[in-house]
Amino acid sequence: MSVTSEPRASRRAVNGDISAQVEYRLVRNAAVREVQRGKTQKIDVCDAHPELLRAARNVGRPTKERCPICDDGRLVKVTFVFGAKLPAGGRCPGTVAELNALRRRPEPVLCYEVEVCPDCAWHHLMRKYPAGGPKSKGGRKVAQ
């Protein structure tokens, strides 16, 4: 894979470090500000899918953080893991041990961590990160 800024620009290889993760906290904070300023209605952001709410209630990891939208509920973290030899809809590990086992798989997986308020149905993708896959002799992941 390569990245170019212009059609004729020289090609540069993308860093293949598969341990990189993407954080979405800035996007989350902007969405919360839009609600607080009245530019976005709560009904537009409190629309979690029923399956996500079920996962949050049954297997989510509670946090101490209050919901930024309703200010009543406590946020819950839910992680979905996608990869080869997993169900098409991914896997939602119910325990930290199960999540860690999925992270150590020999096949690479992609993990999505979502924060959810089971009370008002607020949800937001917090981060996504790769895990699993082949390891080099030094313990670091091999770039793919």
Protein backbone atom coordinates (compact mmCIF):
# COMPACT_ATOMS: atom_id res chain seq x y z
CA MET A 1 0.00 0.00 0.00
CA SER A 2 1.26 3.48 -0.71
CA VAL A 3 0.16 7.02 -0.01
CA THR A 4 0.45 9.93 -2.40
CA SER A 5 -0.66 13.51 -2.07
CA GLU A 6 -0.72 14.12 -5.81
CA PRO A 7 -1.15 11.82 -8.80
CA ARG A 8 2.49 12.35 -9.88
CA ALA A 9 4.00 12.53 -6.41
CA SER A 10 6.60 9.97 -5.42
CA ARG A 11 5.12 6.98 -3.64
CA ARG A 12 5.90 6.46 0.03
CA ALA A 13 5.25 3.24 1.88
CA VAL A 14 2.72 3.47 4.67
CA ASN A 15 4.06 2.55 8.08
CA GLY A 16 3.17 -1.11 8.42
CA ASP A 17 3.11 -1.10 12.24
CA ILE A 18 -0.03 -3.08 12.93
CA SER A 19 0.02 -2.09 16.58
CA ALA A 20 -1.22 1.39 15.62
CA GLN A 21 -4.61 2.39 16.94
CA VAL A 22 -7.09 5.10 16.04
CA GLU A 23 -8.63 7.19 18.83
CA TYR A 24 -11.97 8.93 18.28
CA ARG A 25 -12.15 11.05 21.46
CA LEU A 26 -11.88 14.36 19.55
CA VAL A 27 -14.82 13.39 17.34
CA ARG A 28 -16.75 12.27 20.43
CA ASN A 29 -16.08 15.56 22.23
CA ALA A 30 -17.22 17.54 19.18
CA ALA A 31 -20.46 15.54 19.02
CA VAL A 32 -21.11 16.15 22.72
CA ARG A 33 -20.48 19.90 22.28
CA GLU A 34 -22.96 19.99 19.39
CA VAL A 35 -25.64 18.51 21.68
CA GLN A 36 -24.76 20.85 24.55
CA ARG A 37 -25.00 23.87 22.23
CA GLY A 38 -28.36 22.72 20.89
CA LYS A 39 -27.12 22.24 17.32
CA THR A 40 -27.84 18.51 17.49
CA GLN A 41 -30.80 16.98 19.27
CA LYS A 42 -30.37 14.20 21.81
CA ILE A 43 -32.66 11.95 19.80
CA ASP A 44 -30.13 12.13 16.94
CA VAL A 45 -27.24 10.81 19.04
CA CYS A 46 -29.08 8.52 21.46
CA ASP A 47 -29.86 5.92 18.84
CA ALA A 48 -27.85 2.82 19.74
CA HIS A 49 -28.87 -0.36 17.96
CA PRO A 50 -30.84 -2.75 20.22
CA GLU A 51 -28.09 -5.39 19.83
CA LEU A 52 -25.46 -2.90 21.03
CA LEU A 53 -27.63 -2.01 24.03
CA ARG A 54 -28.08 -5.73 24.80
CA ALA A 55 -24.32 -6.24 24.67
CA ALA A 56 -23.77 -3.21 26.91
CA ARG A 57 -26.21 -4.50 29.52
CA ASN A 58 -25.01 -8.10 29.46
CA VAL A 59 -21.29 -8.14 28.71
CA GLY A 60 -20.14 -4.51 28.78
CA ARG A 61 -17.42 -3.35 31.15
CA PRO A 62 -18.79 -0.59 33.44
CA THR A 63 -16.81 2.63 33.80
CA LYS A 64 -16.97 5.37 36.41
CA GLU A 65 -17.68 7.96 33.75
CA ARG A 66 -21.16 9.51 33.56
CA CYS A 67 -22.96 9.78 30.26
CA PRO A 68 -22.16 13.16 28.66
CA ILE A 69 -25.65 13.34 27.14
CA CYS A 70 -28.14 12.34 29.86
CA ASP A 71 -25.75 12.85 32.82
CA ASP A 72 -27.63 10.11 34.69
CA GLY A 73 -26.28 6.83 33.41
CA ARG A 74 -22.82 5.36 33.73
CA LEU A 75 -20.99 4.56 30.52
CA VAL A 76 -20.18 0.98 29.61
CA LYS A 77 -17.40 -0.15 27.26
CA VAL A 78 -18.23 -2.81 24.70
CA THR A 79 -15.58 -4.35 22.45
CA PHE A 80 -16.31 -6.08 19.15
CA VAL A 81 -13.61 -8.20 17.52
CA PHE A 82 -13.60 -9.02 13.80
CA GLY A 83 -11.27 -11.29 11.90
CA ALA A 84 -10.72 -14.57 10.10
CA LYS A 85 -12.42 -17.60 11.61
CA LEU A 86 -14.79 -15.39 13.63
CA PRO A 87 -18.52 -14.98 12.95
CA ALA A 88 -19.42 -12.48 10.22
CA GLY A 89 -20.93 -10.19 12.88
CA GLY A 90 -17.74 -10.36 14.92
CA ARG A 91 -17.40 -11.51 18.48
CA CYS A 92 -18.32 -9.51 21.56
CA PRO A 93 -16.19 -10.97 24.38
CA GLY A 94 -17.98 -11.23 27.71
CA THR A 95 -14.90 -11.19 29.94
CA VAL A 96 -11.50 -9.53 29.94
CA ALA A 97 -9.93 -13.00 29.74
CA GLU A 98 -11.92 -13.77 26.58
CA LEU A 99 -10.93 -10.42 25.07
CA ASN A 100 -7.26 -11.07 25.85
CA ALA A 101 -7.50 -14.53 24.28
CA LEU A 102 -8.93 -12.98 21.09
CA ARG A 103 -6.11 -10.41 21.10
CA ARG A 104 -3.52 -13.22 21.24
CA ARG A 105 -4.93 -15.20 18.30
CA PRO A 106 -2.48 -16.30 15.61
CA GLU A 107 -4.75 -14.66 13.01
CA PRO A 108 -4.90 -10.86 12.95
CA VAL A 109 -8.09 -9.30 14.30
CA LEU A 110 -9.48 -5.77 14.43
CA CYS A 111 -10.98 -4.59 17.73
CA TYR A 112 -13.56 -1.81 18.03
CA GLU A 113 -14.18 -0.30 21.48
CA VAL A 114 -17.52 1.48 21.83
CA GLU A 115 -18.81 3.44 24.80
CA VAL A 116 -22.52 3.06 25.46
CA CYS A 117 -25.02 4.55 27.88
CA PRO A 118 -27.63 1.84 28.47
CA ASP A 119 -29.98 4.47 29.97
CA CYS A 120 -30.30 6.91 27.07
CA ALA A 121 -28.78 4.84 24.19
CA TRP A 122 -25.85 7.21 23.57
CA HIS A 123 -22.98 5.42 21.87
CA HIS A 124 -19.73 6.36 20.27
CA LEU A 125 -16.78 4.51 18.79
CA MET A 126 -13.86 5.31 21.08
CA ARG A 127 -11.03 3.50 19.36
CA LYS A 128 -10.13 0.76 16.97
CA TYR A 129 -6.95 -1.24 17.03
CA PRO A 130 -5.45 -4.33 15.45
CA ALA A 131 -4.40 -7.30 17.55
CA GLY A 132 -3.37 -10.91 17.14
CA GLY A 133 -1.42 -12.08 14.15
CA PRO A 134 2.15 -13.25 13.74
CA LYS A 135 4.82 -12.08 16.15
CA SER A 136 8.48 -11.54 15.41
CA LYS A 137 11.21 -13.18 17.50
CA GLY A 138 11.58 -9.99 19.56
CA GLY A 139 7.93 -10.15 20.67
CA ARG A 140 6.81 -7.29 18.44
CA LYS A 141 4.18 -7.79 15.79
CA VAL A 142 5.35 -8.34 12.26
CA ALA A 143 4.34 -5.61 9.82
CA GLN A 144 1.92 -6.82 7.15
